[in-house]
Every structure is written in C-alpha cells, then in structure tokens.
Amino acid sequence: MNETILFIISFISGLLLGWLFFAGLWITLKDIGHTRHPVLRILGSLLLRMGLVLAGFYALLQWAGWPHLLVATLGFTLLRLALVHRLRQPGAISSRANKESAT
C-alpha cells in the first residue's frame, strides 16, 4: 500500500480516537447530574476512555510504527483544538480578564 495512504489512515484514526474520547467526556459531563454516584461515573468513564484510546494508539503502533503513531497523535490533538475553538463561549476570556483586573 502507498505510504501516503497509510499516513492518511493514521491521521483519520487519530481523529476517530479523539472523537471517541471527547464524545465520551461530553456524555459523562452532560449526565453527571442525573447519577447517584458522580465520582464513580467520572472515574469509570475516564478509565474506559483512556483504555480505549491507549489500546487504539498501541494497535496503531504495532501495525504501522512510530511515524504513524505521531501522525495519529497529531489528528487527536487537532481535533481537540478544533473542539475547544468551536465550543468556546464568546466573551469568556474578556469577562475572566475583567474579573481579574477588578481584584
């Protein structure tokens, strides 16, 4: 298979692992008020999400090697940055700066 195609597959794998991780985090935080044991829910979710992502990265490392793992990590990180940029509330930074300057 062409090496470029393998790098594209690795990048998409990183995006999918990032989506899995952050979608699980979103669901956990959204439903945290409806559970009797929120700490157990958060810890269970963290262990499950981390286990799945680490298993995915490990499988990719075994399948393709270090360069592809780095490309997948880049995809994971870029997805995180895109989500932070998209979900940031307008004015959140300026209101925080105003509170700090008032004290």
C-alpha atoms as a PDB file:
ATOM      1  CA  MET A   1       0.000   0.000   0.000  1.00  0.00           C
ATOM      2  CA  ASN A   2       1.186   3.512  -0.706  1.00  0.00           C
ATOM      3  CA  GLU A   3       2.873   5.171   2.300  1.00  0.00           C
ATOM      4  CA  THR A   4       0.836   8.366   1.834  1.00  0.00           C
ATOM      5  CA  ILE A   5      -2.403   6.410   2.124  1.00  0.00           C
ATOM      6  CA  LEU A   6      -1.131   4.800   5.331  1.00  0.00           C
ATOM      7  CA  PHE A   7      -0.385   8.222   6.816  1.00  0.00           C
ATOM      8  CA  ILE A   8      -3.879   9.426   5.869  1.00  0.00           C
ATOM      9  CA  ILE A   9      -5.379   6.348   7.536  1.00  0.00           C
ATOM     10  CA  SER A  10      -3.268   7.039  10.632  1.00  0.00           C
ATOM     11  CA  PHE A  11      -4.432  10.664  10.758  1.00  0.00           C
ATOM     12  CA  ILE A  12      -8.078   9.619  10.408  1.00  0.00           C
ATOM     13  CA  SER A  13      -7.536   7.006  13.126  1.00  0.00           C
ATOM     14  CA  GLY A  14      -6.285   9.757  15.432  1.00  0.00           C
ATOM     15  CA  LEU A  15      -9.334  11.861  14.624  1.00  0.00           C
ATOM     16  CA  LEU A  16     -11.636   8.927  15.385  1.00  0.00           C
ATOM     17  CA  LEU A  17      -9.875   8.170  18.660  1.00  0.00           C
ATOM     18  CA  GLY A  18     -10.151  11.833  19.615  1.00  0.00           C
ATOM     19  CA  TRP A  19     -13.830  11.867  18.726  1.00  0.00           C
ATOM     20  CA  LEU A  20     -14.371   8.742  20.847  1.00  0.00           C
ATOM     21  CA  PHE A  21     -12.542  10.263  23.817  1.00  0.00           C
ATOM     22  CA  PHE A  22     -14.188  13.687  23.745  1.00  0.00           C
ATOM     23  CA  ALA A  23     -17.681  12.402  22.887  1.00  0.00           C
ATOM     24  CA  GLY A  24     -17.425  10.128  25.916  1.00  0.00           C
ATOM     25  CA  LEU A  25     -16.318  13.061  28.047  1.00  0.00           C
ATOM     26  CA  TRP A  26     -19.217  15.162  26.755  1.00  0.00           C
ATOM     27  CA  ILE A  27     -21.757  12.432  27.555  1.00  0.00           C
ATOM     28  CA  THR A  28     -20.274  11.929  31.023  1.00  0.00           C
ATOM     29  CA  LEU A  29     -20.393  15.607  31.904  1.00  0.00           C
ATOM     30  CA  LYS A  30     -23.853  16.075  30.429  1.00  0.00           C
ATOM     31  CA  ASP A  31     -25.346  13.271  32.527  1.00  0.00           C
ATOM     32  CA  ILE A  32     -23.348  13.805  35.716  1.00  0.00           C
ATOM     33  CA  GLY A  33     -26.259  15.499  37.498  1.00  0.00           C
ATOM     34  CA  HIS A  34     -28.559  12.526  36.968  1.00  0.00           C
ATOM     35  CA  THR A  35     -26.467   9.880  38.707  1.00  0.00           C
ATOM     36  CA  ARG A  36     -26.366   8.796  42.343  1.00  0.00           C
ATOM     37  CA  HIS A  37     -22.585   8.315  42.397  1.00  0.00           C
ATOM     38  CA  PRO A  38     -20.953  11.014  40.258  1.00  0.00           C
ATOM     39  CA  VAL A  39     -17.392  10.198  41.330  1.00  0.00           C
ATOM     40  CA  LEU A  40     -17.747   6.571  40.239  1.00  0.00           C
ATOM     41  CA  ARG A  41     -19.257   7.691  36.954  1.00  0.00           C
ATOM     42  CA  ILE A  42     -16.399  10.116  36.256  1.00  0.00           C
ATOM     43  CA  LEU A  43     -13.691   7.622  37.205  1.00  0.00           C
ATOM     44  CA  GLY A  44     -15.327   4.791  35.264  1.00  0.00           C
ATOM     45  CA  SER A  45     -15.694   6.987  32.214  1.00  0.00           C
ATOM     46  CA  LEU A  46     -12.086   8.145  32.471  1.00  0.00           C
ATOM     47  CA  LEU A  47     -10.752   4.605  32.746  1.00  0.00           C
ATOM     48  CA  LEU A  48     -12.887   3.406  29.841  1.00  0.00           C
ATOM     49  CA  ARG A  49     -11.996   6.344  27.588  1.00  0.00           C
ATOM     50  CA  MET A  50      -8.284   6.187  28.409  1.00  0.00           C
ATOM     51  CA  GLY A  51      -8.222   2.419  27.957  1.00  0.00           C
ATOM     52  CA  LEU A  52      -9.878   2.596  24.546  1.00  0.00           C
ATOM     53  CA  VAL A  53      -7.657   5.409  23.297  1.00  0.00           C
ATOM     54  CA  LEU A  54      -4.455   3.829  24.587  1.00  0.00           C
ATOM     55  CA  ALA A  55      -5.445   0.479  23.072  1.00  0.00           C
ATOM     56  CA  GLY A  56      -6.099   2.232  19.760  1.00  0.00           C
ATOM     57  CA  PHE A  57      -2.755   4.005  19.816  1.00  0.00           C
ATOM     58  CA  TYR A  58      -0.985   0.798  20.800  1.00  0.00           C
ATOM     59  CA  ALA A  59      -2.651  -1.136  17.972  1.00  0.00           C
ATOM     60  CA  LEU A  60      -1.621   1.573  15.533  1.00  0.00           C
ATOM     61  CA  LEU A  61       1.933   1.480  16.862  1.00  0.00           C
ATOM     62  CA  GLN A  62       2.099  -2.284  16.367  1.00  0.00           C
ATOM     63  CA  TRP A  63       0.510  -2.070  12.909  1.00  0.00           C
ATOM     64  CA  ALA A  64       2.453   0.808  11.406  1.00  0.00           C
ATOM     65  CA  GLY A  65       5.207   2.080  13.724  1.00  0.00           C
ATOM     66  CA  TRP A  66       6.254   5.335  15.380  1.00  0.00           C
ATOM     67  CA  PRO A  67       5.822   7.768  12.472  1.00  0.00           C
ATOM     68  CA  HIS A  68       2.189   6.742  12.060  1.00  0.00           C
ATOM     69  CA  LEU A  69       1.608   6.976  15.804  1.00  0.00           C
ATOM     70  CA  LEU A  70       2.867  10.569  15.706  1.00  0.00           C
ATOM     71  CA  VAL A  71       0.523  11.377  12.820  1.00  0.00           C
ATOM     72  CA  ALA A  72      -2.392   9.842  14.738  1.00  0.00           C
ATOM     73  CA  THR A  73      -1.438  11.889  17.809  1.00  0.00           C
ATOM     74  CA  LEU A  74      -1.470  14.970  15.604  1.00  0.00           C
ATOM     75  CA  GLY A  75      -5.001  14.099  14.447  1.00  0.00           C
ATOM     76  CA  PHE A  76      -6.122  13.579  18.061  1.00  0.00           C
ATOM     77  CA  THR A  77      -4.632  16.922  19.133  1.00  0.00           C
ATOM     78  CA  LEU A  78      -6.020  18.857  16.164  1.00  0.00           C
ATOM     79  CA  LEU A  79      -9.497  17.508  16.896  1.00  0.00           C
ATOM     80  CA  ARG A  80      -9.155  18.717  20.479  1.00  0.00           C
ATOM     81  CA  LEU A  81      -8.071  22.172  19.337  1.00  0.00           C
ATOM     82  CA  ALA A  82     -10.961  22.343  16.861  1.00  0.00           C
ATOM     83  CA  LEU A  83     -13.454  21.370  19.573  1.00  0.00           C
ATOM     84  CA  VAL A  84     -12.078  23.933  22.019  1.00  0.00           C
ATOM     85  CA  HIS A  85     -12.263  26.620  19.343  1.00  0.00           C
ATOM     86  CA  ARG A  86     -15.807  25.643  18.324  1.00  0.00           C
ATOM     87  CA  LEU A  87     -17.217  25.280  21.839  1.00  0.00           C
ATOM     88  CA  ARG A  88     -15.574  28.317  23.396  1.00  0.00           C
ATOM     89  CA  GLN A  89     -18.155  30.765  24.666  1.00  0.00           C
ATOM     90  CA  PRO A  90     -17.838  34.237  23.163  1.00  0.00           C
ATOM     91  CA  GLY A  91     -16.659  36.750  25.728  1.00  0.00           C
ATOM     92  CA  ALA A  92     -15.494  34.117  28.221  1.00  0.00           C
ATOM     93  CA  ILE A  93     -11.899  35.311  28.076  1.00  0.00           C
ATOM     94  CA  SER A  94     -12.744  39.017  28.280  1.00  0.00           C
ATOM     95  CA  SER A  95     -15.119  38.523  31.232  1.00  0.00           C
ATOM     96  CA  ARG A  96     -12.453  36.493  33.066  1.00  0.00           C
ATOM     97  CA  ALA A  97      -9.890  39.220  32.405  1.00  0.00           C
ATOM     98  CA  ASN A  98     -12.304  41.860  33.711  1.00  0.00           C
ATOM     99  CA  LYS A  99     -12.837  39.891  36.951  1.00  0.00           C
ATOM    100  CA  GLU A 100      -9.096  39.517  37.490  1.00  0.00           C
ATOM    101  CA  SER A 101      -8.389  43.203  36.842  1.00  0.00           C
ATOM    102  CA  ALA A 102     -11.137  44.250  39.272  1.00  0.00           C
ATOM    103  CA  THR A 103      -9.469  42.492  42.200  1.00  0.00           C
END
